[in-house]
Amino acid sequence: VVRHRAANKAAFERDGVNLTFTAYFMTAIVAGLKAF
């Protein structure tokens, strides 16, 4: 996750979005809720 964020943070900022770790946690929770 750290590597992915470092590689994509600038691209997200160009779209006016701050890529926080919270977004990854939310996405992982969605995966868990879908599975169970």
All heavy atoms as atom14 arrays in JSON, in Angstrom:
{
  "sequence": "VVRHRAANKAAFERDGVNLTFTAYFMTAIVAGLKAF",
  "atom14_mask": [
    [1, 1, 1, 1, 1, 1, 1, 0, 0, 0, 0, 0, 0, 0],
    [1, 1, 1, 1, 1, 1, 1, 0, 0, 0, 0, 0, 0, 0],
    [1, 1, 1, 1, 1, 1, 1, 1, 1, 1, 1, 0, 0, 0],
    [1, 1, 1, 1, 1, 1, 1, 1, 1, 1, 0, 0, 0, 0],
    [1, 1, 1, 1, 1, 1, 1, 1, 1, 1, 1, 0, 0, 0],
    [1, 1, 1, 1, 1, 0, 0, 0, 0, 0, 0, 0, 0, 0],
    [1, 1, 1, 1, 1, 0, 0, 0, 0, 0, 0, 0, 0, 0],
    [1, 1, 1, 1, 1, 1, 1, 1, 0, 0, 0, 0, 0, 0],
    [1, 1, 1, 1, 1, 1, 1, 1, 1, 0, 0, 0, 0, 0],
    [1, 1, 1, 1, 1, 0, 0, 0, 0, 0, 0, 0, 0, 0],
    [1, 1, 1, 1, 1, 0, 0, 0, 0, 0, 0, 0, 0, 0],
    [1, 1, 1, 1, 1, 1, 1, 1, 1, 1, 1, 0, 0, 0],
    [1, 1, 1, 1, 1, 1, 1, 1, 1, 0, 0, 0, 0, 0],
    [1, 1, 1, 1, 1, 1, 1, 1, 1, 1, 1, 0, 0, 0],
    [1, 1, 1, 1, 1, 1, 1, 1, 0, 0, 0, 0, 0, 0],
    [1, 1, 1, 1, 0, 0, 0, 0, 0, 0, 0, 0, 0, 0],
    [1, 1, 1, 1, 1, 1, 1, 0, 0, 0, 0, 0, 0, 0],
    [1, 1, 1, 1, 1, 1, 1, 1, 0, 0, 0, 0, 0, 0],
    [1, 1, 1, 1, 1, 1, 1, 1, 0, 0, 0, 0, 0, 0],
    [1, 1, 1, 1, 1, 1, 1, 0, 0, 0, 0, 0, 0, 0],
    [1, 1, 1, 1, 1, 1, 1, 1, 1, 1, 1, 0, 0, 0],
    [1, 1, 1, 1, 1, 1, 1, 0, 0, 0, 0, 0, 0, 0],
    [1, 1, 1, 1, 1, 0, 0, 0, 0, 0, 0, 0, 0, 0],
    [1, 1, 1, 1, 1, 1, 1, 1, 1, 1, 1, 1, 0, 0],
    [1, 1, 1, 1, 1, 1, 1, 1, 1, 1, 1, 0, 0, 0],
    [1, 1, 1, 1, 1, 1, 1, 1, 0, 0, 0, 0, 0, 0],
    [1, 1, 1, 1, 1, 1, 1, 0, 0, 0, 0, 0, 0, 0],
    [1, 1, 1, 1, 1, 0, 0, 0, 0, 0, 0, 0, 0, 0],
    [1, 1, 1, 1, 1, 1, 1, 1, 0, 0, 0, 0, 0, 0],
    [1, 1, 1, 1, 1, 1, 1, 0, 0, 0, 0, 0, 0, 0],
    [1, 1, 1, 1, 1, 0, 0, 0, 0, 0, 0, 0, 0, 0],
    [1, 1, 1, 1, 0, 0, 0, 0, 0, 0, 0, 0, 0, 0],
    [1, 1, 1, 1, 1, 1, 1, 1, 0, 0, 0, 0, 0, 0],
    [1, 1, 1, 1, 1, 1, 1, 1, 1, 0, 0, 0, 0, 0],
    [1, 1, 1, 1, 1, 0, 0, 0, 0, 0, 0, 0, 0, 0],
    [1, 1, 1, 1, 1, 1, 1, 1, 1, 1, 1, 0, 0, 0]
  ],
  "atom14_positions": [
    [[0.83, -1.2, 0.0], [0.0, 0.0, 0.0], [0.87, 1.25, 0.0], [0.6, 2.21, -0.73], [-0.95, 0.0, 1.22], [-1.64, 1.36, 1.35], [-2.0, -1.1, 1.08], [0.0, 0.0, 0.0], [0.0, 0.0, 0.0], [0.0, 0.0, 0.0], [0.0, 0.0, 0.0], [0.0, 0.0, 0.0], [0.0, 0.0, 0.0], [0.0, 0.0, 0.0]],
    [[1.92, 1.25, 0.79], [2.82, 2.39, 0.85], [3.45, 2.65, -0.52], [3.52, 3.8, -0.98], [3.91, 2.17, 1.92], [4.99, 3.24, 1.82], [3.3, 2.18, 3.32], [0.0, 0.0, 0.0], [0.0, 0.0, 0.0], [0.0, 0.0, 0.0], [0.0, 0.0, 0.0], [0.0, 0.0, 0.0], [0.0, 0.0, 0.0], [0.0, 0.0, 0.0]],
    [[3.89, 1.59, -1.19], [4.5, 1.75, -2.52], [3.47, 2.25, -3.53], [3.78, 3.12, -4.36], [5.1, 0.43, -2.98], [6.38, 0.04, -2.24], [7.15, -1.04, -3.0], [6.41, -2.3, -3.06], [6.54, -3.27, -2.13], [7.37, -3.11, -1.1], [5.85, -4.39, -2.25], [0.0, 0.0, 0.0], [0.0, 0.0, 0.0], [0.0, 0.0, 0.0]],
    [[2.25, 1.71, -3.47], [1.2, 2.13, -4.41], [0.85, 3.61, -4.19], [0.69, 4.37, -5.16], [-0.04, 1.26, -4.23], [-1.12, 1.54, -5.24], [-2.05, 2.55, -5.08], [-1.42, 0.93, -6.42], [-2.87, 2.56, -6.12], [-2.51, 1.58, -6.95], [0.0, 0.0, 0.0], [0.0, 0.0, 0.0], [0.0, 0.0, 0.0], [0.0, 0.0, 0.0]],
    [[0.73, 4.0, -2.95], [0.41, 5.4, -2.65], [1.52, 6.33, -3.14], [1.24, 7.4, -3.72], [0.18, 5.58, -1.16], [-0.17, 7.01, -0.74], [-0.53, 7.05, 0.73], [-0.88, 8.4, 1.15], [-0.04, 9.25, 1.72], [1.23, 8.88, 1.93], [-0.43, 10.47, 2.08], [0.0, 0.0, 0.0], [0.0, 0.0, 0.0], [0.0, 0.0, 0.0]],
    [[2.76, 5.96, -2.9], [3.88, 6.8, -3.33], [3.9, 6.96, -4.85], [4.24, 8.03, -5.37], [5.19, 6.21, -2.84], [0.0, 0.0, 0.0], [0.0, 0.0, 0.0], [0.0, 0.0, 0.0], [0.0, 0.0, 0.0], [0.0, 0.0, 0.0], [0.0, 0.0, 0.0], [0.0, 0.0, 0.0], [0.0, 0.0, 0.0], [0.0, 0.0, 0.0]],
    [[3.53, 5.9, -5.57], [3.56, 5.93, -7.03], [2.38, 6.68, -7.63], [2.45, 7.13, -8.78], [3.58, 4.5, -7.58], [0.0, 0.0, 0.0], [0.0, 0.0, 0.0], [0.0, 0.0, 0.0], [0.0, 0.0, 0.0], [0.0, 0.0, 0.0], [0.0, 0.0, 0.0], [0.0, 0.0, 0.0], [0.0, 0.0, 0.0], [0.0, 0.0, 0.0]],
    [[1.27, 6.83, -6.9], [0.04, 7.41, -7.45], [-0.4, 8.71, -6.79], [-1.36, 9.34, -7.24], [-1.1, 6.39, -7.36], [-0.89, 5.19, -8.25], [-1.25, 5.19, -9.44], [-0.32, 4.13, -7.69], [0.0, 0.0, 0.0], [0.0, 0.0, 0.0], [0.0, 0.0, 0.0], [0.0, 0.0, 0.0], [0.0, 0.0, 0.0], [0.0, 0.0, 0.0]],
    [[0.25, 9.11, -5.71], [-0.19, 10.29, -4.97], [-0.18, 11.55, -5.84], [-1.11, 12.36, -5.79], [0.7, 10.49, -3.74], [0.15, 11.47, -2.72], [1.01, 11.44, -1.45], [0.38, 12.28, -0.34], [0.31, 13.68, -0.65], [0.0, 0.0, 0.0], [0.0, 0.0, 0.0], [0.0, 0.0, 0.0], [0.0, 0.0, 0.0], [0.0, 0.0, 0.0]],
    [[0.86, 11.72, -6.65], [0.95, 12.9, -7.49], [-0.17, 12.94, -8.53], [-0.74, 14.0, -8.81], [2.32, 12.95, -8.17], [0.0, 0.0, 0.0], [0.0, 0.0, 0.0], [0.0, 0.0, 0.0], [0.0, 0.0, 0.0], [0.0, 0.0, 0.0], [0.0, 0.0, 0.0], [0.0, 0.0, 0.0], [0.0, 0.0, 0.0], [0.0, 0.0, 0.0]],
    [[-0.48, 11.77, -9.13], [-1.55, 11.72, -10.13], [-2.9, 12.07, -9.5], [-3.72, 12.76, -10.11], [-1.6, 10.33, -10.76], [0.0, 0.0, 0.0], [0.0, 0.0, 0.0], [0.0, 0.0, 0.0], [0.0, 0.0, 0.0], [0.0, 0.0, 0.0], [0.0, 0.0, 0.0], [0.0, 0.0, 0.0], [0.0, 0.0, 0.0], [0.0, 0.0, 0.0]],
    [[-3.13, 11.61, -8.29], [-4.37, 11.94, -7.59], [-4.44, 13.45, -7.3], [-5.5, 14.07, -7.43], [-4.49, 11.14, -6.3], [-5.05, 9.76, -6.47], [-4.41, 8.83, -7.27], [-6.23, 9.39, -5.84], [-4.94, 7.55, -7.44], [-6.75, 8.11, -5.99], [-6.1, 7.2, -6.79], [0.0, 0.0, 0.0], [0.0, 0.0, 0.0], [0.0, 0.0, 0.0]],
    [[-3.3, 14.02, -6.93], [-3.28, 15.45, -6.63], [-3.6, 16.28, -7.86], [-4.21, 17.35, -7.75], [-1.92, 15.83, -6.06], [-1.69, 15.32, -4.64], [-0.31, 15.65, -4.11], [0.55, 16.1, -4.92], [-0.06, 15.45, -2.89], [0.0, 0.0, 0.0], [0.0, 0.0, 0.0], [0.0, 0.0, 0.0], [0.0, 0.0, 0.0], [0.0, 0.0, 0.0]],
    [[-3.2, 15.81, -9.04], [-3.53, 16.53, -10.28], [-5.03, 16.54, -10.51], [-5.57, 17.43, -11.18], [-2.81, 15.9, -11.47], [-1.31, 16.19, -11.49], [-0.7, 15.83, -12.83], [-0.7, 14.4, -13.07], [0.32, 13.59, -12.71], [1.39, 14.1, -12.1], [0.25, 12.29, -12.97], [0.0, 0.0, 0.0], [0.0, 0.0, 0.0], [0.0, 0.0, 0.0]],
    [[-5.73, 15.54, -9.95], [-7.19, 15.51, -10.01], [-7.83, 16.22, -8.83], [-9.05, 16.16, -8.65], [-7.69, 14.06, -10.06], [-7.43, 13.39, -11.41], [-7.45, 14.13, -12.42], [-7.21, 12.18, -11.44], [0.0, 0.0, 0.0], [0.0, 0.0, 0.0], [0.0, 0.0, 0.0], [0.0, 0.0, 0.0], [0.0, 0.0, 0.0], [0.0, 0.0, 0.0]],
    [[-7.0, 16.88, -8.03], [-7.52, 17.62, -6.88], [-7.88, 16.75, -5.7], [-8.69, 17.16, -4.85], [0.0, 0.0, 0.0], [0.0, 0.0, 0.0], [0.0, 0.0, 0.0], [0.0, 0.0, 0.0], [0.0, 0.0, 0.0], [0.0, 0.0, 0.0], [0.0, 0.0, 0.0], [0.0, 0.0, 0.0], [0.0, 0.0, 0.0], [0.0, 0.0, 0.0]],
    [[-7.29, 15.55, -5.6], [-7.63, 14.61, -4.54], [-6.39, 14.26, -3.73], [-5.35, 13.92, -4.28], [-8.25, 13.31, -5.12], [-8.54, 12.31, -4.0], [-9.52, 13.63, -5.89], [0.0, 0.0, 0.0], [0.0, 0.0, 0.0], [0.0, 0.0, 0.0], [0.0, 0.0, 0.0], [0.0, 0.0, 0.0], [0.0, 0.0, 0.0], [0.0, 0.0, 0.0]],
    [[-6.51, 14.32, -2.41], [-5.46, 13.9, -1.51], [-5.63, 12.41, -1.23], [-6.62, 12.0, -0.63], [-5.51, 14.71, -0.22], [-4.42, 14.29, 0.76], [-3.39, 13.76, 0.38], [-4.66, 14.52, 2.05], [0.0, 0.0, 0.0], [0.0, 0.0, 0.0], [0.0, 0.0, 0.0], [0.0, 0.0, 0.0], [0.0, 0.0, 0.0], [0.0, 0.0, 0.0]],
    [[-4.67, 11.61, -1.68], [-4.75, 10.16, -1.51], [-4.25, 9.79, -0.12], [-3.04, 9.72, 0.12], [-3.94, 9.44, -2.59], [-3.92, 7.91, -2.53], [-5.33, 7.33, -2.58], [-3.05, 7.34, -3.65], [0.0, 0.0, 0.0], [0.0, 0.0, 0.0], [0.0, 0.0, 0.0], [0.0, 0.0, 0.0], [0.0, 0.0, 0.0], [0.0, 0.0, 0.0]],
    [[-5.16, 9.55, 0.79], [-4.81, 9.17, 2.16], [-4.88, 7.66, 2.32], [-5.49, 6.95, 1.52], [-5.76, 9.83, 3.17], [-7.1, 9.32, 2.97], [-5.78, 11.34, 3.0], [0.0, 0.0, 0.0], [0.0, 0.0, 0.0], [0.0, 0.0, 0.0], [0.0, 0.0, 0.0], [0.0, 0.0, 0.0], [0.0, 0.0, 0.0], [0.0, 0.0, 0.0]],
    [[-4.25, 7.16, 3.39], [-4.33, 5.73, 3.67], [-5.76, 5.3, 3.99], [-6.12, 4.13, 3.8], [-3.4, 5.37, 4.82], [-1.95, 5.38, 4.45], [-1.1, 6.35, 4.96], [-1.42, 4.42, 3.6], [0.25, 6.37, 4.62], [-0.07, 4.43, 3.25], [0.76, 5.41, 3.76], [0.0, 0.0, 0.0], [0.0, 0.0, 0.0], [0.0, 0.0, 0.0]],
    [[-6.57, 6.24, 4.46], [-7.96, 5.91, 4.79], [-8.7, 5.36, 3.59], [-9.55, 4.47, 3.71], [-8.69, 7.15, 5.34], [-8.01, 7.63, 6.51], [-10.12, 6.82, 5.73], [0.0, 0.0, 0.0], [0.0, 0.0, 0.0], [0.0, 0.0, 0.0], [0.0, 0.0, 0.0], [0.0, 0.0, 0.0], [0.0, 0.0, 0.0], [0.0, 0.0, 0.0]],
    [[-8.38, 5.86, 2.39], [-9.04, 5.36, 1.18], [-8.73, 3.88, 0.97], [-9.59, 3.11, 0.53], [-8.59, 6.18, -0.02], [0.0, 0.0, 0.0], [0.0, 0.0, 0.0], [0.0, 0.0, 0.0], [0.0, 0.0, 0.0], [0.0, 0.0, 0.0], [0.0, 0.0, 0.0], [0.0, 0.0, 0.0], [0.0, 0.0, 0.0], [0.0, 0.0, 0.0]],
    [[-7.5, 3.46, 1.27], [-7.14, 2.05, 1.14], [-7.88, 1.21, 2.19], [-8.34, 0.1, 1.88], [-5.63, 1.88, 1.31], [-4.81, 2.49, 0.19], [-4.35, 3.8, 0.27], [-4.51, 1.76, -0.95], [-3.61, 4.37, -0.74], [-3.75, 2.31, -1.98], [-3.31, 3.62, -1.87], [-2.55, 4.17, -2.89], [0.0, 0.0, 0.0], [0.0, 0.0, 0.0]],
    [[-7.98, 1.72, 3.4], [-8.69, 0.99, 4.45], [-10.16, 0.8, 4.07], [-10.73, -0.27, 4.26], [-8.58, 1.72, 5.78], [-7.16, 1.91, 6.27], [-6.79, 3.08, 6.92], [-6.22, 0.92, 6.08], [-5.48, 3.27, 7.35], [-4.91, 1.1, 6.53], [-4.55, 2.27, 7.16], [0.0, 0.0, 0.0], [0.0, 0.0, 0.0], [0.0, 0.0, 0.0]],
    [[-10.76, 1.85, 3.54], [-12.16, 1.78, 3.12], [-12.34, 0.72, 2.04], [-13.27, -0.09, 2.08], [-12.63, 3.14, 2.6], [-12.88, 4.19, 3.66], [-14.45, 3.86, 4.5], [-14.5, 5.32, 5.58], [0.0, 0.0, 0.0], [0.0, 0.0, 0.0], [0.0, 0.0, 0.0], [0.0, 0.0, 0.0], [0.0, 0.0, 0.0], [0.0, 0.0, 0.0]],
    [[-11.45, 0.73, 1.06], [-11.54, -0.23, -0.04], [-11.35, -1.66, 0.46], [-12.03, -2.59, 0.0], [-10.5, 0.11, -1.11], [-10.68, 1.48, -1.55], [-10.65, -0.8, -2.32], [0.0, 0.0, 0.0], [0.0, 0.0, 0.0], [0.0, 0.0, 0.0], [0.0, 0.0, 0.0], [0.0, 0.0, 0.0], [0.0, 0.0, 0.0], [0.0, 0.0, 0.0]],
    [[-10.45, -1.85, 1.4], [-10.24, -3.19, 1.98], [-11.46, -3.64, 2.77], [-11.83, -4.83, 2.74], [-9.0, -3.18, 2.86], [0.0, 0.0, 0.0], [0.0, 0.0, 0.0], [0.0, 0.0, 0.0], [0.0, 0.0, 0.0], [0.0, 0.0, 0.0], [0.0, 0.0, 0.0], [0.0, 0.0, 0.0], [0.0, 0.0, 0.0], [0.0, 0.0, 0.0]],
    [[-12.1, -2.72, 3.48], [-13.33, -3.06, 4.21], [-14.43, -3.49, 3.25], [-15.15, -4.46, 3.51], [-13.79, -1.86, 5.06], [-12.85, -1.65, 6.23], [-15.22, -2.08, 5.58], [-13.12, -0.37, 7.01], [0.0, 0.0, 0.0], [0.0, 0.0, 0.0], [0.0, 0.0, 0.0], [0.0, 0.0, 0.0], [0.0, 0.0, 0.0], [0.0, 0.0, 0.0]],
    [[-14.56, -2.78, 2.12], [-15.55, -3.16, 1.12], [-15.32, -4.6, 0.66], [-16.25, -5.4, 0.53], [-15.51, -2.19, -0.08], [-16.32, -2.75, -1.25], [-16.04, -0.83, 0.31], [0.0, 0.0, 0.0], [0.0, 0.0, 0.0], [0.0, 0.0, 0.0], [0.0, 0.0, 0.0], [0.0, 0.0, 0.0], [0.0, 0.0, 0.0], [0.0, 0.0, 0.0]],
    [[-14.05, -4.95, 0.41], [-13.73, -6.32, -0.01], [-14.15, -7.32, 1.05], [-14.7, -8.4, 0.75], [-12.23, -6.43, -0.3], [0.0, 0.0, 0.0], [0.0, 0.0, 0.0], [0.0, 0.0, 0.0], [0.0, 0.0, 0.0], [0.0, 0.0, 0.0], [0.0, 0.0, 0.0], [0.0, 0.0, 0.0], [0.0, 0.0, 0.0], [0.0, 0.0, 0.0]],
    [[-13.91, -6.99, 2.33], [-14.31, -7.88, 3.42], [-15.8, -8.03, 3.54], [-16.32, -9.13, 3.76], [0.0, 0.0, 0.0], [0.0, 0.0, 0.0], [0.0, 0.0, 0.0], [0.0, 0.0, 0.0], [0.0, 0.0, 0.0], [0.0, 0.0, 0.0], [0.0, 0.0, 0.0], [0.0, 0.0, 0.0], [0.0, 0.0, 0.0], [0.0, 0.0, 0.0]],
    [[-16.54, -6.93, 3.39], [-17.99, -6.97, 3.5], [-18.62, -7.72, 2.34], [-19.64, -8.4, 2.51], [-18.56, -5.54, 3.59], [-18.15, -4.72, 4.82], [-18.74, -3.32, 4.75], [-18.58, -5.41, 6.1], [0.0, 0.0, 0.0], [0.0, 0.0, 0.0], [0.0, 0.0, 0.0], [0.0, 0.0, 0.0], [0.0, 0.0, 0.0], [0.0, 0.0, 0.0]],
    [[-18.04, -7.6, 1.16], [-18.54, -8.36, 0.01], [-18.34, -9.86, 0.2], [-19.2, -10.66, -0.14], [-17.83, -7.9, -1.27], [-18.33, -6.57, -1.83], [-17.62, -6.27, -3.14], [-18.17, -5.04, -3.83], [-17.47, -4.76, -5.13], [0.0, 0.0, 0.0], [0.0, 0.0, 0.0], [0.0, 0.0, 0.0], [0.0, 0.0, 0.0], [0.0, 0.0, 0.0]],
    [[-17.19, -10.22, 0.76], [-16.88, -11.63, 0.96], [-17.7, -12.24, 2.1], [-18.06, -13.42, 2.05], [-15.39, -11.8, 1.23], [0.0, 0.0, 0.0], [0.0, 0.0, 0.0], [0.0, 0.0, 0.0], [0.0, 0.0, 0.0], [0.0, 0.0, 0.0], [0.0, 0.0, 0.0], [0.0, 0.0, 0.0], [0.0, 0.0, 0.0], [0.0, 0.0, 0.0]],
    [[-18.04, -11.43, 3.11], [-18.78, -11.92, 4.27], [-19.93, -10.97, 4.59], [-19.81, -10.09, 5.46], [-17.83, -12.08, 5.46], [-16.69, -13.01, 5.2], [-15.45, -12.52, 4.83], [-16.86, -14.38, 5.27], [-14.39, -13.38, 4.55], [-15.82, -15.25, 5.0], [-14.59, -14.75, 4.63], [0.0, 0.0, 0.0], [0.0, 0.0, 0.0], [0.0, 0.0, 0.0]]
  ]
}
